[in-house]
Amino acid sequence: MRPHVICHMTTSIDGKVTGKFLETPQGLMASDEYYRVHRDLHADAFACGRITMEGSFTGGWYPDLKPFEGVSVSRDDHVANPDADFFCVAFDRRGRLGWKTPVIEDDDPGYDRAHIIEVLCEDAKDEYLTWLRSVGISYIFAGRKEMDLSLALSKLNSLFNIRVLLLEGGSVLNGAFAKEGLIDELSLITAPVTADPDDLPLFSKSSMHSWKLESVFDRNGILMSKYSKKKEC
């Protein structure tokens, strides 16, 4: 079994998810709605890729791993807190994120105190794994050198009882989930503004899938739409 995956994102009219459009008055209004809906969905966890986590939470900080050199760590999953009320799932293939605490510290109650789970490949450094344990962060392995998303989702369900997961970027991770058919719903908050040409799309390197519009709502000019994935014939 795996969690029900909802891709929840703020987009521009032309389907971009990064860039200065998010800093416009329309983009800021859309972001406020995005955070409100995030809270209202009452999921068990949210997930982001490394770059998104760095931009939103770690700020690029990385620990000094020298004190842990020479330590050998088995490639067993490490469950530090299976009973947290909410989880932060970081898809960090090589182990490059630096966390200072085992939980997210954020002003938004929809993210604050979420217990961190690192999703890694087995070639992550022993020093990094030892450091994660010292901080109290959970981690799971999903593939030897390349990420196995289906395996990761299965472990998130079995080890942490995550039933509903919010997939919240970035473009590459969203695209990888979409390509493998692992997204069950789309929850899109659309700002009435177009983005720059170099900004990243909702899905990078995805594949064709059909979606069914379940609902659409206009809130002060911000379009909120929900789609479910159509069953393949």
Protein backbone atom coordinates (compact mmCIF):
# COMPACT_ATOMS: atom_id res chain seq x y z
CA MET A 1 0.00 0.00 0.00
CA ARG A 2 1.00 3.62 -0.50
CA PRO A 3 -0.33 7.03 0.58
CA HIS A 4 -2.93 8.91 -1.41
CA VAL A 5 -0.84 11.63 -3.11
CA ILE A 6 -2.21 15.13 -3.67
CA CYS A 7 0.01 17.47 -5.68
CA HIS A 8 -0.72 20.84 -4.07
CA MET A 9 0.89 23.84 -5.78
CA THR A 10 0.60 27.54 -6.52
CA THR A 11 0.90 28.26 -10.24
CA SER A 12 0.84 31.17 -12.64
CA ILE A 13 -1.76 31.28 -15.44
CA ASP A 14 0.81 29.71 -17.76
CA GLY A 15 1.51 26.83 -15.39
CA LYS A 16 4.79 27.94 -13.78
CA VAL A 17 5.59 27.26 -10.12
CA THR A 18 8.78 29.27 -9.54
CA GLY A 19 9.80 32.86 -10.14
CA LYS A 20 9.07 36.48 -9.37
CA PHE A 21 5.38 36.10 -10.16
CA LEU A 22 5.05 34.72 -6.61
CA GLU A 23 6.21 38.10 -5.27
CA THR A 24 3.52 40.10 -7.10
CA PRO A 25 0.38 41.15 -5.21
CA GLN A 26 -1.54 38.44 -7.07
CA GLY A 27 1.14 35.87 -6.31
CA LEU A 28 1.14 36.74 -2.63
CA MET A 29 -2.64 36.44 -2.46
CA ALA A 30 -2.42 33.05 -4.16
CA SER A 31 0.27 31.94 -1.70
CA ASP A 32 -1.96 32.88 1.24
CA GLU A 33 -4.71 30.70 -0.22
CA TYR A 34 -2.20 27.93 -0.86
CA TYR A 35 -1.18 27.83 2.81
CA ARG A 36 -4.81 27.96 3.94
CA VAL A 37 -5.76 25.02 1.73
CA HIS A 38 -2.63 23.14 2.88
CA ARG A 39 -3.90 23.40 6.45
CA ASP A 40 -7.49 22.54 5.52
CA LEU A 41 -6.50 19.33 3.70
CA HIS A 42 -5.38 17.77 7.02
CA ALA A 43 -2.88 15.43 5.39
CA ASP A 44 -0.47 13.23 7.33
CA ALA A 45 2.65 14.62 5.63
CA PHE A 46 4.00 16.97 3.00
CA ALA A 47 6.88 16.22 0.65
CA CYS A 48 9.35 18.37 -1.29
CA GLY A 49 12.59 17.89 -3.18
CA ARG A 50 15.99 19.04 -1.96
CA ILE A 51 16.05 22.41 -3.71
CA THR A 52 12.58 23.34 -2.47
CA MET A 53 13.49 22.31 1.08
CA GLU A 54 16.64 24.42 0.93
CA GLY A 55 14.72 27.45 -0.28
CA SER A 56 11.89 27.08 2.23
CA PHE A 57 13.52 25.66 5.36
CA THR A 58 17.27 24.96 5.57
CA GLY A 59 18.63 27.98 3.70
CA GLY A 60 21.52 25.93 2.31
CA TRP A 61 23.12 25.26 5.72
CA TYR A 62 25.09 22.00 5.92
CA PRO A 63 26.62 20.35 9.00
CA ASP A 64 30.27 19.62 9.68
CA LEU A 65 30.54 15.87 9.20
CA LYS A 66 34.19 15.54 10.25
CA PRO A 67 33.34 14.29 13.78
CA PHE A 68 31.57 11.34 12.19
CA GLU A 69 34.30 10.25 9.78
CA GLY A 70 35.25 6.58 9.87
CA VAL A 71 31.86 5.42 11.15
CA SER A 72 30.19 2.58 9.24
CA VAL A 73 26.40 2.50 9.09
CA SER A 74 24.19 -0.35 7.85
CA ARG A 75 21.62 0.54 5.21
CA ASP A 76 18.63 -0.04 7.47
CA ASP A 77 15.77 2.44 7.70
CA HIS A 78 15.88 4.60 10.82
CA VAL A 79 12.53 5.48 12.40
CA ALA A 80 13.11 8.12 15.08
CA ASN A 81 9.47 9.09 15.63
CA PRO A 82 6.73 6.96 14.05
CA ASP A 83 3.93 8.66 15.99
CA ALA A 84 4.32 12.32 15.02
CA ASP A 85 1.14 14.26 14.26
CA PHE A 86 2.59 15.49 10.96
CA PHE A 87 5.64 14.64 8.85
CA CYS A 88 8.00 16.53 6.54
CA VAL A 89 9.28 14.19 3.82
CA ALA A 90 12.49 15.39 2.16
CA PHE A 91 13.45 13.64 -1.08
CA ASP A 92 17.20 14.13 -0.80
CA ARG A 93 18.82 11.43 -2.91
CA ARG A 94 22.47 12.03 -1.93
CA GLY A 95 21.96 13.51 1.54
CA ARG A 96 22.70 17.21 1.10
CA LEU A 97 20.17 18.88 3.37
CA GLY A 98 21.23 20.37 6.68
CA TRP A 99 18.65 20.30 9.46
CA LYS A 100 19.31 21.82 12.88
CA THR A 101 16.40 20.11 14.62
CA PRO A 102 14.37 16.93 13.99
CA VAL A 103 11.26 18.99 13.28
CA ILE A 104 10.34 21.90 11.03
CA GLU A 105 10.29 25.24 12.80
CA ASP A 106 7.97 27.54 10.88
CA ASP A 107 5.57 30.40 11.63
CA ASP A 108 2.84 28.64 9.67
CA PRO A 109 1.04 26.10 11.89
CA GLY A 110 0.53 23.93 8.83
CA TYR A 111 4.26 23.14 8.79
CA ASP A 112 5.52 23.85 12.30
CA ARG A 113 6.70 20.83 14.33
CA ALA A 114 6.48 18.39 11.41
CA HIS A 115 8.90 15.52 12.07
CA ILE A 116 11.53 15.25 9.33
CA ILE A 117 11.97 12.09 7.26
CA GLU A 118 14.88 12.03 4.82
CA VAL A 119 14.35 9.82 1.75
CA LEU A 120 17.78 8.73 0.53
CA CYS A 121 19.55 6.39 -1.85
CA GLU A 122 21.86 3.78 -0.36
CA ASP A 123 24.98 5.59 -1.58
CA ALA A 124 24.43 8.43 0.89
CA LYS A 125 27.50 8.99 3.08
CA ASP A 126 27.88 7.06 6.33
CA GLU A 127 28.86 10.31 8.04
CA TYR A 128 25.61 11.93 6.95
CA LEU A 129 23.53 9.02 8.23
CA THR A 130 25.30 9.12 11.59
CA TRP A 131 24.69 12.84 11.82
CA LEU A 132 20.96 12.40 11.05
CA ARG A 133 20.72 9.90 13.89
CA SER A 134 22.49 12.32 16.26
CA VAL A 135 19.92 15.01 15.49
CA GLY A 136 16.96 12.64 15.84
CA ILE A 137 15.87 12.69 12.21
CA SER A 138 14.26 9.67 10.57
CA TYR A 139 15.49 8.35 7.24
CA ILE A 140 14.53 5.65 4.78
CA PHE A 141 16.27 4.20 1.74
CA ALA A 142 14.54 4.01 -1.63
CA GLY A 143 16.93 2.66 -4.24
CA ARG A 144 20.68 2.07 -4.46
CA LYS A 145 21.79 4.97 -6.67
CA GLU A 146 18.53 6.22 -8.18
CA MET A 147 15.32 7.03 -6.34
CA ASP A 148 12.57 4.42 -6.33
CA LEU A 149 9.48 6.53 -5.63
CA SER A 150 7.09 3.60 -5.33
CA LEU A 151 9.32 1.98 -2.70
CA ALA A 152 9.58 5.28 -0.83
CA LEU A 153 5.80 5.68 -0.71
CA SER A 154 5.34 2.10 0.45
CA LYS A 155 7.78 2.63 3.32
CA LEU A 156 6.20 5.95 4.30
CA ASN A 157 2.89 4.13 4.65
CA SER A 158 4.18 1.05 6.47
CA LEU A 159 6.72 2.69 8.79
CA PHE A 160 4.96 5.98 9.59
CA ASN A 161 1.31 5.23 8.77
CA ILE A 162 1.21 8.09 6.26
CA ARG A 163 -2.10 7.76 4.41
CA VAL A 164 -2.37 11.16 2.72
CA LEU A 165 0.71 12.93 1.37
CA LEU A 166 0.86 16.47 -0.03
CA LEU A 167 3.40 16.67 -2.87
CA GLU A 168 4.55 20.29 -2.91
CA GLY A 169 7.38 20.57 -5.41
CA GLY A 170 9.57 21.34 -7.00
CA SER A 171 9.07 20.87 -10.68
CA VAL A 172 11.48 17.92 -11.02
CA LEU A 173 10.01 15.92 -8.14
CA ASN A 174 6.45 16.67 -9.29
CA GLY A 175 7.38 15.49 -12.77
CA ALA A 176 8.95 12.29 -11.49
CA PHE A 177 5.81 11.44 -9.51
CA ALA A 178 3.57 12.26 -12.48
CA LYS A 179 5.65 10.23 -14.91
CA GLU A 180 5.27 7.14 -12.74
CA GLY A 181 1.53 7.71 -12.27
CA LEU A 182 1.86 8.25 -8.52
CA ILE A 183 -0.28 11.41 -8.24
CA ASP A 184 -3.94 10.80 -7.36
CA GLU A 185 -5.16 14.41 -7.16
CA LEU A 186 -4.14 17.89 -8.20
CA SER A 187 -4.89 20.85 -5.95
CA LEU A 188 -3.94 24.00 -7.87
CA ILE A 189 -4.05 27.58 -6.67
CA THR A 190 -3.69 29.82 -9.74
CA ALA A 191 -2.55 33.43 -9.50
CA PRO A 192 -3.91 35.73 -12.25
CA VAL A 193 -0.46 36.58 -13.59
CA THR A 194 1.92 35.12 -16.16
CA ALA A 195 5.48 34.14 -15.31
CA ASP A 196 8.89 34.69 -16.89
CA PRO A 197 9.90 32.28 -19.68
CA ASP A 198 12.71 30.69 -17.68
CA ASP A 199 10.53 29.86 -14.67
CA LEU A 200 9.89 26.18 -14.05
CA PRO A 201 6.62 24.40 -14.92
CA LEU A 202 4.35 22.40 -12.67
CA PHE A 203 5.81 19.16 -14.05
CA SER A 204 9.29 18.71 -15.46
CA LYS A 205 9.80 15.71 -17.78
CA SER A 206 6.42 14.20 -17.10
CA SER A 207 4.22 12.02 -19.31
CA MET A 208 0.68 12.26 -20.63
CA HIS A 209 -2.18 11.53 -18.22
CA SER A 210 -5.87 12.42 -18.22
CA TRP A 211 -7.48 14.30 -15.34
CA LYS A 212 -11.05 14.95 -14.29
CA LEU A 213 -12.02 18.40 -12.99
CA GLU A 214 -13.75 17.84 -9.65
CA SER A 215 -14.25 21.41 -8.51
CA VAL A 216 -13.29 24.99 -9.28
CA PHE A 217 -13.73 28.08 -7.12
CA ASP A 218 -12.88 31.76 -7.50
CA ARG A 219 -11.79 33.42 -4.26
CA ASN A 220 -11.05 37.13 -4.70
CA GLY A 221 -9.66 36.52 -8.19
CA ILE A 222 -7.59 33.51 -7.18
CA LEU A 223 -8.67 30.34 -8.96
CA MET A 224 -8.70 27.15 -6.92
CA SER A 225 -9.18 23.93 -8.84
CA LYS A 226 -9.16 20.28 -7.92
CA TYR A 227 -8.59 17.37 -10.31
CA SER A 228 -8.67 13.62 -9.85
CA LYS A 229 -6.72 11.26 -12.02
CA LYS A 230 -8.80 9.41 -14.59
CA LYS A 231 -8.47 5.66 -14.59
CA GLU A 232 -6.51 4.34 -17.54
CA CYS A 233 -8.61 2.38 -20.06
